[in-house]
């Protein structure tokens, strides 16, 4: 993982809603509708947040019919954690 990858992930997690979404996905895959129930945001706003999380590589997006299902990309998350463990 390079500096740019780490910076993109940090920027994505700098938003409280996106940080909370990642925390929710730690329990496993969630449908976009489940995420919407948790937040007081519109569907387009959720889509914007999810696009950022997918683009930085933290989240997988799987479409099933008209629904999007999201899960954490474990490999990216592990590399991100290992990057900071190197400082310890």
C-alpha atoms as a PDB file:
ATOM      1  CA  UNK A   1       0.000   0.000   0.000  1.00  0.00           C
ATOM      2  CA  UNK A   2       1.458   3.358  -1.011  1.00  0.00           C
ATOM      3  CA  UNK A   3       1.049   6.873   0.401  1.00  0.00           C
ATOM      4  CA  UNK A   4      -1.704   7.770  -2.073  1.00  0.00           C
ATOM      5  CA  UNK A   5      -3.763   4.678  -1.167  1.00  0.00           C
ATOM      6  CA  UNK A   6      -3.435   5.439   2.543  1.00  0.00           C
ATOM      7  CA  UNK A   7      -4.334   9.102   1.982  1.00  0.00           C
ATOM      8  CA  UNK A   8      -7.477   8.172   0.026  1.00  0.00           C
ATOM      9  CA  UNK A   9      -8.624   5.804   2.757  1.00  0.00           C
ATOM     10  CA  UNK A  10      -7.926   8.376   5.477  1.00  0.00           C
ATOM     11  CA  UNK A  11      -9.870  10.988   3.531  1.00  0.00           C
ATOM     12  CA  UNK A  12     -12.782   8.574   3.084  1.00  0.00           C
ATOM     13  CA  UNK A  13     -12.815   7.725   6.792  1.00  0.00           C
ATOM     14  CA  UNK A  14     -12.596  11.411   7.708  1.00  0.00           C
ATOM     15  CA  UNK A  15     -16.362  11.673   7.264  1.00  0.00           C
ATOM     16  CA  UNK A  16     -18.346  10.503  10.304  1.00  0.00           C
ATOM     17  CA  UNK A  17     -21.054   8.835   8.215  1.00  0.00           C
ATOM     18  CA  UNK A  18     -18.542   6.878   6.147  1.00  0.00           C
ATOM     19  CA  UNK A  19     -16.651   5.854   9.279  1.00  0.00           C
ATOM     20  CA  UNK A  20     -19.939   4.614  10.783  1.00  0.00           C
ATOM     21  CA  UNK A  21     -20.759   2.728   7.571  1.00  0.00           C
ATOM     22  CA  UNK A  22     -17.414   0.923   7.700  1.00  0.00           C
ATOM     23  CA  UNK A  23     -18.083   0.080  11.355  1.00  0.00           C
ATOM     24  CA  UNK A  24     -21.500  -1.355  10.420  1.00  0.00           C
ATOM     25  CA  UNK A  25     -19.990  -3.428   7.607  1.00  0.00           C
ATOM     26  CA  UNK A  26     -17.572  -5.008  10.083  1.00  0.00           C
ATOM     27  CA  UNK A  27     -20.533  -7.198  11.100  1.00  0.00           C
ATOM     28  CA  UNK A  28     -20.897  -8.476   7.537  1.00  0.00           C
ATOM     29  CA  UNK A  29     -22.505  -7.619   4.230  1.00  0.00           C
ATOM     30  CA  UNK A  30     -25.362  -5.117   4.311  1.00  0.00           C
ATOM     31  CA  UNK A  31     -27.900  -4.052   1.723  1.00  0.00           C
ATOM     32  CA  UNK A  32     -27.995  -0.337   0.930  1.00  0.00           C
ATOM     33  CA  UNK A  33     -31.528  -0.276   2.343  1.00  0.00           C
ATOM     34  CA  UNK A  34     -30.206  -1.481   5.726  1.00  0.00           C
ATOM     35  CA  UNK A  35     -27.616   1.287   5.761  1.00  0.00           C
ATOM     36  CA  UNK A  36     -30.238   3.894   4.873  1.00  0.00           C
ATOM     37  CA  UNK A  37     -32.357   2.858   7.875  1.00  0.00           C
ATOM     38  CA  UNK A  38     -29.472   3.679  10.210  1.00  0.00           C
ATOM     39  CA  UNK A  39     -28.805   7.198   8.922  1.00  0.00           C
ATOM     40  CA  UNK A  40     -30.940  10.249   8.380  1.00  0.00           C
ATOM     41  CA  UNK A  41     -29.688  10.776   4.831  1.00  0.00           C
ATOM     42  CA  UNK A  42     -31.203  10.432   1.381  1.00  0.00           C
ATOM     43  CA  UNK A  43     -30.510   7.558  -0.984  1.00  0.00           C
ATOM     44  CA  UNK A  44     -28.423   9.775  -3.314  1.00  0.00           C
ATOM     45  CA  UNK A  45     -26.292  10.860  -0.332  1.00  0.00           C
ATOM     46  CA  UNK A  46     -25.756   7.228   0.665  1.00  0.00           C
ATOM     47  CA  UNK A  47     -24.775   6.426  -2.921  1.00  0.00           C
ATOM     48  CA  UNK A  48     -22.225   9.249  -2.826  1.00  0.00           C
ATOM     49  CA  UNK A  49     -20.707   7.919   0.423  1.00  0.00           C
ATOM     50  CA  UNK A  50     -20.613   4.366  -0.913  1.00  0.00           C
ATOM     51  CA  UNK A  51     -18.965   5.473  -4.162  1.00  0.00           C
ATOM     52  CA  UNK A  52     -16.130   7.053  -2.166  1.00  0.00           C
ATOM     53  CA  UNK A  53     -15.696   3.937  -0.015  1.00  0.00           C
ATOM     54  CA  UNK A  54     -15.695   1.661  -3.072  1.00  0.00           C
ATOM     55  CA  UNK A  55     -13.269   3.881  -5.019  1.00  0.00           C
ATOM     56  CA  UNK A  56     -10.728   3.987  -2.190  1.00  0.00           C
ATOM     57  CA  UNK A  57     -10.844   0.180  -2.072  1.00  0.00           C
ATOM     58  CA  UNK A  58     -12.335  -0.326   1.397  1.00  0.00           C
ATOM     59  CA  UNK A  59     -15.737  -1.640   0.302  1.00  0.00           C
ATOM     60  CA  UNK A  60     -17.027  -4.171  -2.218  1.00  0.00           C
ATOM     61  CA  UNK A  61     -20.250  -3.436  -4.107  1.00  0.00           C
ATOM     62  CA  UNK A  62     -22.348  -6.354  -5.323  1.00  0.00           C
ATOM     63  CA  UNK A  63     -25.558  -5.709  -7.221  1.00  0.00           C
ATOM     64  CA  UNK A  64     -28.429  -8.154  -6.902  1.00  0.00           C
ATOM     65  CA  UNK A  65     -31.472  -7.092  -8.879  1.00  0.00           C
ATOM     66  CA  UNK A  66     -32.138  -3.474  -8.017  1.00  0.00           C
ATOM     67  CA  UNK A  67     -30.331  -3.669  -4.668  1.00  0.00           C
ATOM     68  CA  UNK A  68     -26.692  -3.011  -3.895  1.00  0.00           C
ATOM     69  CA  UNK A  69     -25.005  -5.109  -1.218  1.00  0.00           C
ATOM     70  CA  UNK A  70     -21.862  -3.819   0.444  1.00  0.00           C
ATOM     71  CA  UNK A  71     -19.100  -5.563   2.358  1.00  0.00           C
ATOM     72  CA  UNK A  72     -15.658  -4.663   3.625  1.00  0.00           C
ATOM     73  CA  UNK A  73     -12.736  -5.527   1.395  1.00  0.00           C
ATOM     74  CA  UNK A  74     -10.742  -7.420   4.029  1.00  0.00           C
ATOM     75  CA  UNK A  75      -7.447  -7.429   2.128  1.00  0.00           C
ATOM     76  CA  UNK A  76      -7.409  -3.623   1.808  1.00  0.00           C
ATOM     77  CA  UNK A  77      -8.396  -3.178   5.443  1.00  0.00           C
ATOM     78  CA  UNK A  78      -5.625  -5.535   6.581  1.00  0.00           C
ATOM     79  CA  UNK A  79      -3.035  -3.705   4.458  1.00  0.00           C
ATOM     80  CA  UNK A  80      -4.213  -0.367   5.861  1.00  0.00           C
ATOM     81  CA  UNK A  81      -3.855  -1.623   9.440  1.00  0.00           C
ATOM     82  CA  UNK A  82      -0.432  -3.144   8.684  1.00  0.00           C
ATOM     83  CA  UNK A  83       0.703   0.196   7.245  1.00  0.00           C
ATOM     84  CA  UNK A  84       0.058   1.870  10.597  1.00  0.00           C
ATOM     85  CA  UNK A  85       1.350  -1.082  12.629  1.00  0.00           C
ATOM     86  CA  UNK A  86       4.724  -0.450  11.020  1.00  0.00           C
ATOM     87  CA  UNK A  87       4.891   2.840  12.964  1.00  0.00           C
ATOM     88  CA  UNK A  88       4.399   1.142  16.320  1.00  0.00           C
END
